Amino acid sequence: MLVKWEGIIIRSVDYGESSKVITLFSREHGKVGIMARGAKKPKSRLTAVSQLFTHGYYMCKTGAGSGMPDLSQGEIVESYRELRQDIMRTAYAAYVAELIDRLTHEREPNPFLFQLLALTFRYLDEGKDPEILARIVESKMLIVAGIRPHLEACCNCGREEEPYTISVSQGGLLCPRCQATDPYAIAVTAGTWKLLRLFQLFDLERLGEIEVKPATRSQLRHVLRSFIDEHLDLRLKSRSFLDQVEKLSLP
């Protein structure tokens, strides 16, 4: 049976001498593994459509069982050419793709995540701030994984009293009276925790230009990565690569 899916390729693994197994995050079925036979051959009609990060329509052959579909043909919607030509943007795209890949299951439709991925890649391609885009995606993916930091008031007593710290182990803000309950709580500015709260609720389609101070960027990165490391225990190859690229870009 032939099926047609719209999707974005978030992972690609060589298979044999001439083929690839691609992971498509589709609008219709979420994450799907697909065999692209002969896609590594230079003259294959599947070469272009099976490139990492490509957004397209994919015609696949599926059998009666649970075997992997075969890619028959594809039509490119967006190749994100500018994203591919900049190593920093490529590193952030790889990080976002792996984060979504690791925190989702096969064949679980999630149109929200498909739209989040498509918008993030489009904005990266357009040159929008990749670091802030990554922080927004991290905030959304924590919620997808069932971890939603409590950022409206103190997570211990419920008081709305600044200055707050953020307790990763307790799951959110701590007011001055409760800060002693976690000696490892992270000190943050009001601007940082308000941005973190905004990122949880923010509709990415409304993204404009965001000016964020270097100190605030550092706090956002530290807090969100601490939540990911503490509660999700992910080991992402793309994050190590991103860290190396970021170090090389420092003045």
Protein backbone atom coordinates (compact mmCIF):
# COMPACT_ATOMS: atom_id res chain seq x y z
CA MET A 1 0.00 0.00 0.00
CA LEU A 2 1.25 3.48 -0.86
CA VAL A 3 1.00 6.23 1.74
CA LYS A 4 1.98 9.89 1.60
CA TRP A 5 3.37 11.65 4.67
CA GLU A 6 4.52 15.19 5.28
CA GLY A 7 7.57 15.24 7.49
CA ILE A 8 11.03 16.46 8.42
CA ILE A 9 14.04 14.16 8.56
CA ILE A 10 15.54 14.26 12.05
CA ARG A 11 17.97 11.34 11.79
CA SER A 12 19.81 9.49 9.04
CA VAL A 13 21.87 6.29 9.38
CA ASP A 14 23.77 4.55 6.60
CA TYR A 15 22.53 1.05 5.78
CA GLY A 16 24.84 -1.10 3.73
CA GLU A 17 26.80 0.38 0.84
CA SER A 18 24.03 2.27 -0.89
CA SER A 19 21.01 2.73 1.38
CA LYS A 20 19.96 4.77 4.41
CA VAL A 21 17.47 4.44 7.22
CA ILE A 22 15.89 7.84 7.82
CA THR A 23 13.77 8.91 10.75
CA LEU A 24 10.93 11.14 9.66
CA PHE A 25 9.00 13.26 12.11
CA SER A 26 5.71 13.35 10.28
CA ARG A 27 2.66 15.51 10.71
CA GLU A 28 0.37 12.50 10.46
CA HIS A 29 2.07 9.79 12.53
CA GLY A 30 4.84 11.41 14.55
CA LYS A 31 8.20 9.64 14.38
CA VAL A 32 8.54 6.98 11.67
CA GLY A 33 11.56 4.99 10.48
CA ILE A 34 11.83 4.60 6.69
CA MET A 35 14.19 2.63 4.47
CA ALA A 36 15.60 4.72 1.62
CA ARG A 37 17.07 2.08 -0.68
CA GLY A 38 19.86 3.28 -2.96
CA ALA A 39 19.69 6.81 -1.53
CA LYS A 40 23.49 7.00 -1.16
CA LYS A 41 24.01 6.52 -4.89
CA PRO A 42 24.87 9.86 -6.55
CA LYS A 43 22.26 9.53 -9.29
CA SER A 44 19.45 8.21 -7.08
CA ARG A 45 16.21 10.18 -7.18
CA LEU A 46 16.03 9.68 -3.41
CA THR A 47 19.37 11.37 -2.63
CA ALA A 48 18.11 14.94 -2.28
CA VAL A 49 14.83 14.14 -0.50
CA SER A 50 16.55 11.92 2.08
CA GLN A 51 19.01 14.53 3.36
CA LEU A 52 19.01 15.34 7.08
CA PHE A 53 16.71 18.24 8.08
CA THR A 54 14.77 18.14 4.77
CA HIS A 55 11.07 19.00 4.97
CA GLY A 56 9.03 17.27 2.32
CA TYR A 57 6.24 14.96 1.22
CA TYR A 58 7.25 11.30 1.25
CA MET A 59 5.56 8.53 -0.71
CA CYS A 60 6.21 5.19 1.01
CA LYS A 61 5.32 1.54 0.46
CA THR A 62 3.96 -0.16 3.55
CA GLY A 63 3.24 -3.84 4.03
CA ALA A 64 0.60 -5.67 6.00
CA GLY A 65 2.98 -6.35 8.89
CA SER A 66 4.99 -4.07 11.13
CA GLY A 67 8.04 -3.89 8.86
CA MET A 68 9.77 -0.64 7.95
CA PRO A 69 8.19 1.28 5.05
CA ASP A 70 10.24 1.76 1.87
CA LEU A 71 10.64 5.26 0.46
CA SER A 72 9.42 5.35 -3.15
CA GLN A 73 9.68 9.04 -3.94
CA GLY A 74 9.61 12.44 -2.32
CA GLU A 75 8.91 16.07 -2.97
CA ILE A 76 10.96 18.72 -1.17
CA VAL A 77 9.00 21.47 0.56
CA GLU A 78 12.03 23.15 2.16
CA SER A 79 15.70 22.13 2.18
CA TYR A 80 16.82 24.86 4.62
CA ARG A 81 19.84 25.73 2.52
CA GLU A 82 21.06 28.62 4.69
CA LEU A 83 20.81 26.49 7.83
CA ARG A 84 23.00 23.81 6.23
CA GLN A 85 25.71 26.26 5.16
CA ASP A 86 26.34 27.70 8.63
CA ILE A 87 28.01 25.36 11.13
CA MET A 88 26.50 27.11 14.15
CA ARG A 89 22.95 26.89 12.83
CA THR A 90 23.57 23.28 11.75
CA ALA A 91 24.77 22.43 15.26
CA TYR A 92 21.63 23.91 16.83
CA ALA A 93 19.40 22.13 14.29
CA ALA A 94 21.08 18.81 15.11
CA TYR A 95 20.56 19.43 18.83
CA VAL A 96 16.86 20.26 18.39
CA ALA A 97 16.35 17.24 16.12
CA GLU A 98 18.04 14.83 18.56
CA LEU A 99 16.15 16.28 21.53
CA ILE A 100 12.83 15.64 19.79
CA ASP A 101 13.98 12.23 18.60
CA ARG A 102 15.00 11.08 22.09
CA LEU A 103 11.90 12.38 23.85
CA THR A 104 9.26 10.94 21.51
CA HIS A 105 8.07 7.43 20.69
CA GLU A 106 7.41 5.79 17.33
CA ARG A 107 4.05 6.35 15.71
CA GLU A 108 2.68 8.81 18.26
CA PRO A 109 1.06 11.68 16.31
CA ASN A 110 1.93 15.11 17.70
CA PRO A 111 1.01 17.96 15.34
CA PHE A 112 2.20 20.50 17.94
CA LEU A 113 5.73 19.06 17.90
CA PHE A 114 5.75 18.87 14.11
CA GLN A 115 4.85 22.56 13.94
CA LEU A 116 7.45 23.40 16.61
CA LEU A 117 10.15 21.58 14.62
CA ALA A 118 9.16 23.16 11.31
CA LEU A 119 9.06 26.69 12.77
CA THR A 120 12.38 26.24 14.58
CA PHE A 121 14.13 25.09 11.39
CA ARG A 122 12.54 27.90 9.40
CA TYR A 123 13.69 30.50 11.92
CA LEU A 124 17.19 29.01 12.04
CA ASP A 125 17.27 29.18 8.25
CA GLU A 126 16.17 32.84 8.38
CA GLY A 127 18.96 33.70 10.83
CA LYS A 128 16.96 34.22 14.01
CA ASP A 129 18.80 33.82 17.32
CA PRO A 130 19.65 30.09 17.51
CA GLU A 131 20.45 30.13 21.22
CA ILE A 132 17.07 31.57 22.21
CA LEU A 133 15.32 29.17 19.84
CA ALA A 134 17.08 26.27 21.56
CA ARG A 135 16.01 27.52 24.99
CA ILE A 136 12.39 27.74 23.85
CA VAL A 137 12.50 24.21 22.43
CA GLU A 138 14.10 22.90 25.64
CA SER A 139 11.29 24.49 27.66
CA LYS A 140 8.64 22.89 25.46
CA MET A 141 10.33 19.48 25.44
CA LEU A 142 10.59 19.38 29.22
CA ILE A 143 6.80 19.72 29.31
CA VAL A 144 6.45 16.98 26.65
CA ALA A 145 8.59 14.74 28.87
CA GLY A 146 6.34 15.44 31.87
CA ILE A 147 8.67 17.92 33.58
CA ARG A 148 7.16 21.38 33.94
CA PRO A 149 9.15 23.67 36.23
CA HIS A 150 6.85 25.59 38.59
CA LEU A 151 7.56 29.24 37.77
CA GLU A 152 4.49 31.13 38.97
CA ALA A 153 5.29 31.21 42.71
CA CYS A 154 7.33 29.35 45.30
CA CYS A 155 6.99 25.62 44.62
CA ASN A 156 7.45 24.88 48.33
CA CYS A 157 5.01 27.24 50.06
CA GLY A 158 3.16 29.02 47.24
CA ARG A 159 4.25 32.53 48.23
CA GLU A 160 4.83 35.14 45.54
CA GLU A 161 7.89 36.79 47.00
CA GLU A 162 11.09 37.83 45.23
CA PRO A 163 14.01 37.42 44.86
CA TYR A 164 13.55 33.85 43.79
CA THR A 165 16.04 31.06 43.31
CA ILE A 166 15.32 27.97 41.21
CA SER A 167 15.49 24.52 42.74
CA VAL A 168 16.04 21.84 40.11
CA SER A 169 15.45 19.02 42.61
CA GLN A 170 12.20 20.52 43.95
CA GLY A 171 10.99 21.56 40.52
CA GLY A 172 10.75 25.34 40.47
CA LEU A 173 10.99 28.68 42.22
CA LEU A 174 11.90 29.07 45.87
CA CYS A 175 11.04 32.26 47.75
CA PRO A 176 13.56 33.79 50.22
CA ARG A 177 11.93 31.96 53.16
CA CYS A 178 12.29 28.55 51.51
CA GLN A 179 15.69 28.87 49.89
CA ALA A 180 17.37 27.07 52.79
CA THR A 181 15.52 23.88 51.80
CA ASP A 182 17.84 23.52 48.80
CA PRO A 183 21.44 24.69 49.23
CA TYR A 184 22.02 23.97 45.53
CA ALA A 185 19.22 26.25 44.27
CA ILE A 186 20.29 28.44 41.36
CA ALA A 187 20.30 32.21 41.87
CA VAL A 188 18.58 33.97 38.95
CA THR A 189 17.43 37.46 38.11
CA ALA A 190 13.76 38.34 37.80
CA GLY A 191 14.30 38.68 34.05
CA THR A 192 15.52 35.10 33.80
CA TRP A 193 12.66 33.39 35.61
CA LYS A 194 10.11 35.53 33.77
CA LEU A 195 11.62 34.50 30.44
CA LEU A 196 11.58 30.86 31.53
CA ARG A 197 7.90 31.19 32.37
CA LEU A 198 7.25 32.94 29.04
CA PHE A 199 9.01 30.18 27.10
CA GLN A 200 6.63 27.60 28.59
CA LEU A 201 3.58 29.47 27.33
CA PHE A 202 4.96 31.19 24.24
CA ASP A 203 3.53 30.51 20.78
CA LEU A 204 6.61 30.25 18.56
CA GLU A 205 4.70 31.65 15.57
CA ARG A 206 4.71 35.01 17.36
CA LEU A 207 8.50 35.13 17.70
CA GLY A 208 10.02 38.50 16.92
CA GLU A 209 13.41 39.89 17.75
CA ILE A 210 14.37 39.15 21.37
CA GLU A 211 17.19 41.05 23.00
CA VAL A 212 18.66 39.03 25.87
CA LYS A 213 21.67 40.07 27.94
CA PRO A 214 24.68 37.69 28.03
CA ALA A 215 24.25 37.10 31.79
CA THR A 216 20.58 36.19 31.29
CA ARG A 217 21.47 33.86 28.40
CA SER A 218 23.94 32.09 30.67
CA GLN A 219 21.35 31.66 33.42
CA LEU A 220 18.72 30.37 30.99
CA ARG A 221 21.15 27.80 29.61
CA HIS A 222 22.27 26.70 33.07
CA VAL A 223 18.74 26.30 34.46
CA LEU A 224 17.25 24.45 31.49
CA ARG A 225 20.18 22.12 31.02
CA SER A 226 20.20 21.40 34.75
CA PHE A 227 16.55 20.32 34.56
CA ILE A 228 17.28 18.14 31.53
CA ASP A 229 20.29 16.51 33.18
CA GLU A 230 18.60 16.00 36.54
CA HIS A 231 15.23 14.70 35.41
CA LEU A 232 15.78 13.20 31.94
CA ASP A 233 19.38 11.95 32.07
CA LEU A 234 19.92 12.33 28.33
CA ARG A 235 23.34 11.91 26.74
CA LEU A 236 23.08 13.77 23.45
CA LYS A 237 25.90 13.56 20.92
CA SER A 238 24.64 16.73 19.28
CA ARG A 239 24.96 18.64 22.56
CA SER A 240 28.65 17.79 22.83
CA PHE A 241 29.13 18.94 19.23
CA LEU A 242 27.17 22.14 19.91
CA ASP A 243 29.28 22.89 22.96
CA GLN A 244 32.46 22.55 20.89
CA VAL A 245 31.12 24.82 18.15
CA GLU A 246 30.05 27.43 20.70
CA LYS A 247 33.53 27.45 22.25
CA LEU A 248 35.13 27.98 18.83
CA SER A 249 32.83 30.94 18.15
CA LEU A 250 33.80 32.79 21.35
CA PRO A 251 35.92 35.93 20.74
